Protein backbone atom coordinates (compact mmCIF):
# COMPACT_ATOMS: atom_id res chain seq x y z
CA MET A 1 0.12 -0.03 -0.05
CA SER A 2 1.16 3.56 -0.43
CA GLY A 3 0.86 6.39 2.03
CA THR A 4 1.76 9.86 2.62
CA THR A 5 2.29 12.00 5.61
CA SER A 6 1.82 15.76 5.12
CA GLY A 7 2.27 15.17 1.52
CA LYS A 8 5.59 13.46 1.57
CA PRO A 9 5.88 9.70 0.87
CA SER A 10 6.37 7.68 4.03
CA ALA A 11 9.29 5.12 4.41
CA GLY A 12 9.25 1.85 2.41
CA ARG A 13 8.31 -1.52 3.65
CA PRO A 14 10.30 -4.65 2.83
CA ASP A 15 8.01 -5.34 -0.16
CA GLY A 16 8.96 -2.04 -1.69
CA ARG A 17 5.67 -0.34 -1.30
CA PRO A 18 5.37 2.87 0.81
CA ARG A 19 4.52 2.39 4.61
CA PRO A 20 1.15 3.85 5.56
CA SER A 21 1.17 6.72 8.06
CA PRO A 22 -0.02 5.93 11.83
CA VAL A 23 -0.82 9.63 11.98
CA GLN A 24 -3.18 9.51 9.01
CA LEU A 25 -4.69 6.15 10.21
CA ARG A 26 -5.67 7.96 13.40
CA ARG A 27 -6.94 10.93 11.58
CA ALA A 28 -9.01 8.81 9.27
CA VAL A 29 -10.55 6.74 12.09
CA LEU A 30 -11.51 10.09 13.95
CA SER A 31 -12.79 11.55 10.74
CA SER A 32 -14.85 8.20 10.06
CA TYR A 33 -16.24 8.11 13.38
CA LEU A 34 -17.14 11.88 13.96
CA GLY A 35 -18.70 11.69 10.38
CA SER A 36 -20.65 8.69 11.20
CA VAL A 37 -21.79 10.22 14.51
CA ILE A 38 -22.96 13.43 12.75
CA GLU A 39 -24.59 11.54 9.83
CA TYR A 40 -26.45 9.08 12.23
CA TYR A 41 -27.29 11.87 14.80
CA ASP A 42 -29.32 13.48 11.93
CA PHE A 43 -30.74 10.45 10.44
CA LEU A 44 -31.67 8.74 13.58
CA LEU A 45 -32.90 11.94 15.07
CA TYR A 46 -35.55 11.67 12.39
CA ALA A 47 -36.22 8.08 13.39
CA THR A 48 -36.92 9.11 17.01
CA ALA A 49 -38.99 12.09 16.04
CA SER A 50 -41.01 10.06 13.46
CA ALA A 51 -42.07 7.78 16.29
CA LEU A 52 -42.61 10.60 18.86
CA VAL A 53 -43.42 13.88 17.12
CA PHE A 54 -44.09 13.88 13.36
CA ASN A 55 -47.40 12.10 13.52
CA LYS A 56 -48.77 14.89 15.55
CA VAL A 57 -47.24 17.87 13.74
CA PHE A 58 -47.10 16.66 10.02
CA PHE A 59 -49.93 14.27 9.97
CA SER A 60 -52.34 15.89 12.37
CA SER A 61 -55.17 15.37 10.03
CA LEU A 62 -55.13 11.67 10.37
CA ASP A 63 -56.19 9.53 13.35
CA PRO A 64 -53.53 8.47 15.79
CA LEU A 65 -52.82 4.99 14.31
CA ALA A 66 -52.87 6.20 10.70
CA GLY A 67 -50.63 9.06 11.61
CA THR A 68 -48.01 6.85 13.22
CA VAL A 69 -47.97 4.55 10.07
CA ALA A 70 -47.59 7.60 7.82
CA SER A 71 -44.96 9.13 10.01
CA LEU A 72 -43.01 6.02 9.97
CA GLY A 73 -43.50 5.79 6.13
CA THR A 74 -41.50 9.04 5.67
CA PHE A 75 -38.81 7.59 7.84
CA THR A 76 -38.96 4.49 5.25
CA THR A 77 -38.29 6.86 2.31
CA GLY A 78 -34.98 7.72 3.75
CA TYR A 79 -33.77 4.03 3.55
CA LEU A 80 -35.16 3.69 0.10
CA ALA A 81 -33.01 6.61 -0.94
CA ARG A 82 -29.87 5.14 0.51
CA PRO A 83 -29.01 2.89 -2.46
CA LEU A 84 -29.22 5.77 -4.79
CA GLY A 85 -26.66 7.49 -2.61
CA GLY A 86 -24.49 4.43 -2.56
CA ILE A 87 -24.53 4.10 -6.25
CA VAL A 88 -23.82 8.00 -7.00
CA PHE A 89 -21.20 8.63 -4.41
CA GLY A 90 -19.85 5.19 -4.78
CA HIS A 91 -19.29 5.79 -8.52
CA PHE A 92 -17.35 8.97 -7.96
CA GLY A 93 -15.66 7.76 -4.94
CA ASP A 94 -14.07 5.03 -7.04
CA ARG A 95 -13.26 7.34 -9.70
CA LEU A 96 -12.18 10.46 -7.83
CA GLY A 97 -11.26 9.33 -4.37
CA ARG A 98 -12.99 8.67 -0.97
CA LYS A 99 -12.29 12.03 0.64
CA ARG A 100 -13.92 14.33 -1.92
CA MET A 101 -17.23 12.43 -1.70
CA LEU A 102 -17.33 12.33 2.31
CA VAL A 103 -17.10 16.23 2.20
CA VAL A 104 -19.93 16.32 -0.12
CA THR A 105 -22.17 13.85 1.85
CA MET A 106 -21.51 15.62 5.17
CA VAL A 107 -22.65 18.98 3.89
CA LEU A 108 -25.67 17.51 2.15
CA MET A 109 -26.72 15.70 5.40
CA GLY A 110 -26.13 18.81 7.48
CA VAL A 111 -28.25 21.19 5.22
CA ALA A 112 -31.25 18.65 4.79
CA SER A 113 -31.37 18.19 8.62
CA THR A 114 -31.30 22.00 9.38
CA LEU A 115 -33.96 22.55 6.78
CA ILE A 116 -36.09 19.97 8.59
CA GLY A 117 -35.91 22.16 11.64
CA LEU A 118 -37.10 25.05 9.82
CA LEU A 119 -39.93 23.31 7.99
CA PRO A 120 -43.40 24.66 8.79
CA THR A 121 -46.07 22.17 9.91
CA TYR A 122 -49.23 20.79 8.43
CA ASP A 123 -51.26 23.49 10.26
CA HIS A 124 -49.25 26.15 8.44
CA ILE A 125 -48.97 24.96 4.88
CA GLY A 126 -51.25 21.96 4.86
CA VAL A 127 -50.23 19.06 2.51
CA TRP A 128 -46.92 20.54 1.53
CA ALA A 129 -45.54 20.06 4.92
CA PRO A 130 -45.45 16.25 4.65
CA ILE A 131 -44.33 16.56 0.92
CA LEU A 132 -41.24 18.77 1.84
CA LEU A 133 -40.60 16.55 4.76
CA VAL A 134 -40.34 13.45 2.42
CA VAL A 135 -38.11 15.40 0.00
CA LEU A 136 -35.77 16.35 2.84
CA ARG A 137 -35.79 12.78 4.07
CA VAL A 138 -34.68 11.53 0.72
CA LEU A 139 -31.85 13.81 0.75
CA GLN A 140 -30.82 12.51 4.08
CA GLY A 141 -31.04 9.06 2.76
CA VAL A 142 -28.90 9.87 -0.14
CA ALA A 143 -26.37 11.53 1.95
CA VAL A 144 -26.14 8.55 4.45
CA GLY A 145 -25.89 6.05 1.46
CA GLY A 146 -22.87 7.74 0.24
CA GLU A 147 -21.27 8.52 3.64
CA TRP A 148 -21.14 4.91 5.11
CA GLY A 149 -19.12 3.34 2.39
CA GLY A 150 -16.53 6.06 2.14
CA ALA A 151 -16.16 6.58 5.83
CA VAL A 152 -15.49 2.77 6.35
CA LEU A 153 -12.95 2.65 3.40
CA MET A 154 -11.05 5.73 4.89
CA SER A 155 -10.35 3.68 7.94
CA ALA A 156 -9.98 0.12 6.44
CA GLU A 157 -7.78 1.23 3.67
CA HIS A 158 -5.45 3.16 5.95
CA ALA A 159 -5.05 0.10 8.34
CA THR A 160 -2.35 -2.47 7.87
CA SER A 161 -3.59 -4.63 10.82
CA ARG A 162 -6.70 -4.81 13.09
CA ARG A 163 -8.73 -3.70 10.12
CA GLY A 164 -11.99 -5.02 11.75
CA MET A 165 -11.44 -2.76 14.79
CA TRP A 166 -10.46 0.23 13.05
CA ALA A 167 -13.23 0.08 10.46
CA SER A 168 -15.76 -0.56 13.20
CA PHE A 169 -15.63 2.96 14.44
CA THR A 170 -17.70 3.79 11.59
CA ASN A 171 -20.38 1.53 12.49
CA ALA A 172 -20.00 2.81 16.24
CA GLY A 173 -20.84 6.16 14.98
CA ALA A 174 -24.49 5.00 14.59
CA PRO A 175 -25.36 4.29 18.21
CA SER A 176 -23.07 7.26 19.08
CA GLY A 177 -25.23 9.36 17.06
CA MET A 178 -28.28 7.97 18.60
CA VAL A 179 -26.93 8.79 21.96
CA VAL A 180 -26.26 12.35 21.05
CA SER A 181 -29.75 12.73 19.33
CA THR A 182 -31.58 11.11 22.21
CA LEU A 183 -29.71 13.22 24.80
CA VAL A 184 -30.48 16.54 22.94
CA LEU A 185 -34.19 15.43 22.31
CA THR A 186 -34.29 14.51 26.09
CA LEU A 187 -32.91 17.88 27.26
CA THR A 188 -35.15 19.68 24.96
CA SER A 189 -38.17 17.73 26.04
CA SER A 190 -37.44 18.20 29.73
CA ALA A 191 -36.95 21.94 29.30
CA THR A 192 -40.14 22.52 27.50
CA SER A 193 -43.88 21.53 28.26
CA GLU A 194 -45.56 19.03 26.00
CA ASP A 195 -47.11 21.89 24.03
CA GLN A 196 -43.87 23.70 23.56
CA PHE A 197 -42.07 20.54 22.47
CA LEU A 198 -44.69 19.83 19.89
CA SER A 199 -44.71 23.55 18.82
CA TRP A 200 -40.91 24.26 18.56
CA GLY A 201 -38.92 22.25 20.90
CA TRP A 202 -38.49 19.34 18.59
CA ARG A 203 -36.82 21.74 16.06
CA VAL A 204 -33.83 22.49 18.15
CA PRO A 205 -31.94 19.25 17.72
CA PHE A 206 -32.31 19.54 14.06
CA LEU A 207 -30.99 23.13 14.01
CA LEU A 208 -27.91 22.00 16.10
CA SER A 209 -26.84 20.03 12.97
CA VAL A 210 -25.11 23.39 11.71
CA LEU A 211 -22.75 23.24 14.65
CA LEU A 212 -21.86 19.42 14.09
CA LEU A 213 -21.32 20.04 10.43
CA VAL A 214 -18.70 22.71 11.23
CA LEU A 215 -16.90 20.40 13.62
CA GLY A 216 -17.05 17.37 11.23
CA LEU A 217 -15.74 19.45 8.21
CA PHE A 218 -12.90 20.75 10.23
CA VAL A 219 -11.75 17.13 11.16
CA ARG A 220 -12.43 15.54 7.68
CA LEU A 221 -10.41 18.17 5.68
CA LYS A 222 -7.29 17.14 7.50
CA VAL A 223 -7.29 13.56 6.27
CA GLU A 224 -5.50 12.52 3.25
CA GLU A 225 -6.84 10.06 0.52
CA THR A 226 -6.34 6.38 1.38
CA PRO A 227 -3.03 4.80 0.50
CA VAL A 228 -4.93 1.84 -1.20
CA PHE A 229 -6.92 4.08 -3.51
CA ALA A 230 -3.78 6.22 -4.28
CA GLU A 231 -1.83 3.08 -5.49
CA ALA A 232 -4.75 1.85 -7.56
CA GLU A 233 -5.32 5.44 -9.03
CA ALA A 234 -1.57 5.33 -10.01
CA ALA A 235 -2.00 1.86 -11.73
CA ARG A 236 -5.14 3.10 -13.48
CA ALA A 237 -3.27 5.57 -15.47
CA SER A 238 -1.71 2.76 -17.35
CA ARG A 239 -4.76 0.85 -18.17
CA ALA A 240 -7.43 1.22 -20.77
CA ALA A 241 -10.72 2.86 -19.91
CA GLU A 242 -12.65 0.90 -17.51
CA ALA A 243 -16.33 0.20 -17.32
CA PRO A 244 -18.38 2.22 -14.63
CA PRO A 245 -17.92 0.69 -11.08
CA LEU A 246 -21.56 -0.37 -10.95
CA LEU A 247 -21.25 -2.41 -13.97
CA GLU A 248 -17.93 -3.84 -12.79
CA VAL A 249 -19.62 -5.04 -9.61
CA LEU A 250 -22.73 -6.49 -11.30
CA ARG A 251 -20.24 -8.25 -13.92
CA ARG A 252 -17.33 -9.43 -11.47
CA HIS A 253 -18.95 -9.70 -8.08
CA PRO A 254 -22.72 -10.34 -8.42
CA ARG A 255 -22.60 -13.16 -5.84
CA ASN A 256 -20.70 -11.12 -3.33
CA LEU A 257 -23.23 -8.22 -3.81
CA LEU A 258 -26.09 -10.57 -3.11
CA LEU A 259 -24.35 -12.01 -0.03
CA ALA A 260 -23.63 -8.51 1.27
CA VAL A 261 -27.20 -7.72 1.08
CA GLY A 262 -28.36 -10.85 2.81
CA VAL A 263 -25.57 -10.70 5.51
CA GLY A 264 -26.63 -7.34 6.69
CA PHE A 265 -30.41 -7.83 6.43
CA GLY A 266 -31.12 -9.16 9.81
CA ALA A 267 -29.03 -6.58 11.39
CA PHE A 268 -30.87 -3.78 9.92
CA VAL A 269 -34.23 -5.29 10.53
CA ALA A 270 -33.22 -5.77 14.34
CA GLN A 271 -31.64 -2.19 14.37
CA ALA A 272 -34.91 -0.62 13.03
CA THR A 273 -37.01 -2.59 15.61
CA LEU A 274 -34.92 -1.62 18.45
CA THR A 275 -34.39 2.02 17.86
CA THR A 276 -37.72 2.96 16.32
CA PHE A 277 -40.60 0.56 16.40
CA LEU A 278 -39.88 -0.63 20.02
CA ILE A 279 -39.83 3.12 21.26
CA SER A 280 -43.22 3.73 19.71
CA TYR A 281 -44.59 0.37 21.00
CA ALA A 282 -43.14 1.08 24.55
CA VAL A 283 -44.74 4.55 24.78
CA ASP A 284 -48.11 3.33 23.59
CA ALA A 285 -47.67 0.47 26.13
CA GLY A 286 -47.87 3.16 28.76
CA PHE A 287 -44.31 3.92 29.54
CA PRO A 288 -43.44 7.52 29.97
CA ARG A 289 -41.44 8.88 26.83
CA GLN A 290 -38.48 9.85 28.90
CA THR A 291 -38.10 6.36 30.44
CA VAL A 292 -37.93 4.82 27.11
CA LEU A 293 -35.41 7.37 25.78
CA ASN A 294 -33.30 6.63 29.03
CA ALA A 295 -33.45 2.96 28.18
CA LEU A 296 -32.39 3.70 24.68
CA THR A 297 -29.62 5.98 25.61
CA LEU A 298 -28.06 3.30 28.02
CA SER A 299 -28.25 0.74 25.44
CA SER A 300 -26.76 2.88 22.71
CA VAL A 301 -23.63 3.72 24.81
CA LEU A 302 -23.09 -0.01 25.61
CA ALA A 303 -23.59 -0.72 21.89
CA VAL A 304 -20.57 1.42 20.92
CA VAL A 305 -18.44 -0.84 23.21
CA GLY A 306 -19.93 -3.90 21.89
CA ILE A 307 -19.47 -2.90 18.16
CA VAL A 308 -15.68 -2.13 18.70
CA GLY A 309 -15.27 -5.12 20.96
CA TYR A 310 -16.95 -7.78 18.72
CA SER A 311 -15.01 -6.35 15.55
CA ALA A 312 -11.69 -6.67 17.31
CA LEU A 313 -12.71 -10.15 18.15
CA SER A 314 -13.42 -10.79 14.39
CA ASP A 315 -9.79 -9.81 13.68
CA ARG A 316 -8.60 -12.66 15.62
CA ILE A 317 -11.21 -15.55 14.89
CA GLY A 318 -12.74 -14.17 11.65
CA ARG A 319 -15.88 -12.13 10.66
CA ARG A 320 -18.00 -15.11 9.90
CA PRO A 321 -18.15 -16.69 13.60
CA VAL A 322 -18.80 -13.40 15.26
CA VAL A 323 -21.79 -12.22 12.90
CA LEU A 324 -23.30 -15.90 12.95
CA ALA A 325 -23.35 -15.80 16.85
CA GLY A 326 -24.86 -12.31 16.75
CA ALA A 327 -27.62 -13.45 14.30
CA ILE A 328 -28.64 -16.46 16.30
CA ALA A 329 -28.70 -14.47 19.47
CA MET A 330 -30.96 -11.76 17.92
CA ALA A 331 -33.37 -14.28 16.58
CA VAL A 332 -33.78 -15.59 20.29
CA VAL A 333 -34.07 -12.04 21.83
CA ALA A 334 -36.71 -11.25 19.22
CA PHE A 335 -39.09 -13.40 21.03
CA LEU A 336 -38.24 -11.83 24.53
CA LEU A 337 -38.28 -8.31 23.64
CA PHE A 338 -42.15 -7.51 23.53
CA PRO A 339 -43.20 -9.85 26.55
CA MET A 340 -40.62 -7.94 28.67
CA VAL A 341 -41.99 -4.63 27.53
CA ASP A 342 -45.57 -5.78 28.17
CA SER A 343 -44.50 -6.54 31.72
CA GLY A 344 -44.67 -3.02 32.57
CA SER A 345 -41.50 -3.01 34.45
CA VAL A 346 -38.96 -0.35 33.59
CA VAL A 347 -36.16 -2.70 34.64
CA LEU A 348 -37.40 -5.35 32.15
CA LEU A 349 -37.93 -2.72 29.62
CA THR A 350 -34.28 -1.55 29.96
CA VAL A 351 -32.94 -5.16 30.07
CA ALA A 352 -34.90 -5.94 26.86
CA VAL A 353 -33.32 -2.91 25.05
CA VAL A 354 -29.91 -3.56 26.34
CA LEU A 355 -29.96 -7.37 25.27
CA GLY A 356 -31.06 -6.40 21.85
CA GLN A 357 -29.14 -3.36 21.01
CA SER A 358 -25.94 -3.93 23.38
CA VAL A 359 -25.41 -7.56 23.41
CA ALA A 360 -26.92 -9.31 20.22
CA HIS A 361 -26.97 -6.84 17.64
CA PRO A 362 -23.42 -5.36 17.85
CA ALA A 363 -22.12 -9.00 17.17
CA MET A 364 -23.90 -8.97 13.64
CA TYR A 365 -23.50 -5.31 12.85
CA GLY A 366 -19.97 -4.35 13.97
CA PRO A 367 -17.89 -6.45 11.66
CA LEU A 368 -19.84 -5.71 8.65
CA ALA A 369 -17.68 -2.56 8.08
CA ALA A 370 -14.56 -4.64 7.38
CA LEU A 371 -16.43 -7.69 5.93
CA TYR A 372 -18.09 -5.50 3.26
CA SER A 373 -14.78 -3.76 2.42
CA GLU A 374 -13.12 -7.08 1.84
CA MET A 375 -15.78 -8.46 -0.52
CA PHE A 376 -14.86 -5.92 -3.49
CA GLY A 377 -11.74 -4.74 -4.98
CA THR A 378 -10.30 -1.30 -4.76
CA ARG A 379 -11.66 0.07 -8.23
CA THR A 380 -15.22 -0.94 -7.16
CA ARG A 381 -15.01 -1.11 -3.35
CA TYR A 382 -16.91 2.15 -2.70
CA THR A 383 -19.60 1.25 -5.01
CA GLY A 384 -19.99 -2.37 -4.27
CA ALA A 385 -19.68 -2.11 -0.21
CA SER A 386 -22.12 0.91 -0.37
CA LEU A 387 -24.58 -0.87 -2.60
CA GLY A 388 -24.66 -4.01 -0.65
CA TYR A 389 -24.94 -2.28 2.68
CA GLN A 390 -27.32 0.19 1.64
CA ILE A 391 -29.89 -2.38 -0.18
CA SER A 392 -29.69 -4.48 3.02
CA ALA A 393 -30.55 -1.23 4.98
CA THR A 394 -33.95 -0.99 3.24
CA GLY A 395 -35.06 -3.81 5.59
CA ALA A 396 -34.71 -1.34 8.51
CA GLY A 397 -36.83 1.33 6.41
CA PHE A 398 -39.80 -1.12 5.84
CA ALA A 399 -39.62 -2.94 9.21
CA PRO A 400 -41.08 -0.28 11.48
CA VAL A 401 -44.03 0.48 9.14
CA LEU A 402 -44.79 -3.22 8.58
CA PHE A 403 -44.67 -3.98 12.27
CA ALA A 404 -46.89 -1.10 13.22
CA SER A 405 -49.38 -2.14 10.60
CA MET A 406 -49.37 -5.78 11.96
CA THR A 407 -49.84 -4.84 15.51
CA GLY A 408 -52.61 -2.53 14.63
CA ALA A 409 -54.28 -5.17 12.59
CA SER A 410 -53.81 -7.90 15.16
CA GLY A 411 -55.07 -5.69 18.05
CA GLY A 412 -51.47 -5.36 19.58
CA GLY A 413 -50.25 -8.87 18.95
CA THR A 414 -46.60 -9.05 18.48
CA VAL A 415 -45.70 -12.68 17.93
CA GLY A 416 -45.78 -12.20 14.05
CA VAL A 417 -43.30 -9.39 14.47
CA SER A 418 -40.94 -11.60 16.51
CA VAL A 419 -41.27 -14.27 13.84
CA LEU A 420 -40.36 -11.86 11.03
CA ILE A 421 -37.23 -10.50 12.90
CA ALA A 422 -36.14 -14.03 13.55
CA LEU A 423 -36.58 -14.81 9.83
CA ALA A 424 -34.55 -11.78 8.86
CA CYS A 425 -31.78 -13.15 11.10
CA VAL A 426 -32.07 -16.55 9.43
CA ILE A 427 -31.35 -14.91 6.06
CA THR A 428 -28.08 -13.37 7.60
CA VAL A 429 -27.15 -16.85 8.98
CA VAL A 430 -27.52 -18.50 5.57
CA CYS A 431 -25.59 -15.89 3.81
CA VAL A 432 -22.81 -15.77 6.48
CA LEU A 433 -22.45 -19.61 5.98
CA VAL A 434 -22.13 -19.21 2.30
CA ALA A 435 -19.64 -16.21 2.47
CA ARG A 436 -15.90 -17.00 2.50
CA GLU A 437 -13.79 -15.79 5.32
CA SER A 438 -11.88 -12.73 4.52
CA HIS A 439 -10.10 -11.24 7.77
CA ARG A 440 -6.63 -12.04 6.42
CA LEU A 441 -7.40 -10.51 3.03
CA ASP A 442 -4.91 -7.93 1.63
CA LEU A 443 -7.22 -5.06 0.46
CA THR A 444 -4.71 -4.50 -2.71
CA GLU A 445 -5.94 -8.01 -4.00
CA GLU A 446 -8.82 -8.64 -6.13
CA PRO A 447 -11.20 -10.72 -3.97
CA GLN A 448 -12.66 -14.10 -5.28
CA GLU A 449 -16.45 -14.45 -5.53
CA SER A 450 -17.47 -16.15 -2.26
CA ALA A 451 -17.25 -19.98 -2.18
CA GLY A 452 -20.03 -22.23 -1.32
CA ALA A 453 -19.75 -25.03 1.25
CA VAL A 454 -18.00 -27.18 -1.32
CA GLY A 455 -14.39 -25.88 -1.85
CA ARG A 456 -14.41 -23.28 0.79
CA SER A 457 -11.50 -24.59 2.62
CA ALA A 458 -9.41 -24.20 -0.56
CA ALA A 459 -10.55 -20.76 -1.01
CA GLU A 460 -9.71 -19.60 2.32
CA GLY A 461 -6.34 -21.27 2.22
CA ALA A 462 -5.65 -19.16 -0.94
CA ALA A 463 -6.84 -16.20 0.83
CA GLY A 464 -4.76 -16.85 3.98
């Protein structure tokens, strides 16, 4: 790999390639983490607000159940837009570099979130309020769709060892962003009355996006392009014109793309359940909003530790065993969540959220950052990793709407919801078993298509 420090080539390695800079690695990891925190602060802030606020201020003309479903429906549009962001920013990220695209995605998210905070409600402009809300949510989705892949690659392609741990800081940004957004919502909610919060208090967290944007750009602009991309770019100059990255992914790595979608599917369905649907469900079950937010905040803090810890473990024993264990655990927890919430106990509510978001989910989610990076070559890695991840993430977009509709139709029954969560985890299990182990792969190498059960040992031997 090639690397630079302050614009000067770093000392060479025994294989003749320049040595990556530890300073740039630290900057890349910090930039990726902060960028992810900011992006997911904005994106998940919307998720929380859609469960607690938007049904009352943007869909006030509907009955409560229909308003909740409609509000969660706008939440879904952000997830539907994420693959588009992965394709667009992935294309230019594979062509022009990771850093440039990450600056654009951060600005796009910051502007969209700020505008949500300034958006008039249904009472002021009628149907235009939810329409504009959907447009801004789509822009949020496009931004997140482009951000994740680039942020992961900034860390993964700067790392020469412990790639799973370093790359996982981008995924750790999701629960960190949830913590920040929940704390800001909590402080705003506690400082205002119910009427004040619904009138203007909910806007404050969105308007604070401007400050986070300034901080994020300050850090991100100090990071140099990844050494892996710089080396591939130098080699590209001597090759003939290449097909667009998307076509390259579909032609050279279709199996890996499908597996990437399946591997993450269970994690995203579980994530949406834990951070969006369960919040609304618990509030409807009679828990005070603040109590539910407190449980979510605690579990999100612990999830950061879990994501980094499980990912570091995947550097030692492989990605597949860790993700597999997490998916199985999450399938079991799916049947415990709702009975524990229905108990009416604050302690059991907190335990349920912690079991799901802090214990089971991080194992299946944390290693995905490195795993997705290892499934595609440098020339198509931004596009392939982003597209696989973001298509998989659409499961998180549909889950809350589907689950809200199911519980409404069944009079509050949740067994069907638990079954669907478990089935999503089964999809993850199957895809993990088919995928090849990649934790020892050199990112400068072109990955092979994932081997099936037959011949996997030979494939893994070649990769090692």
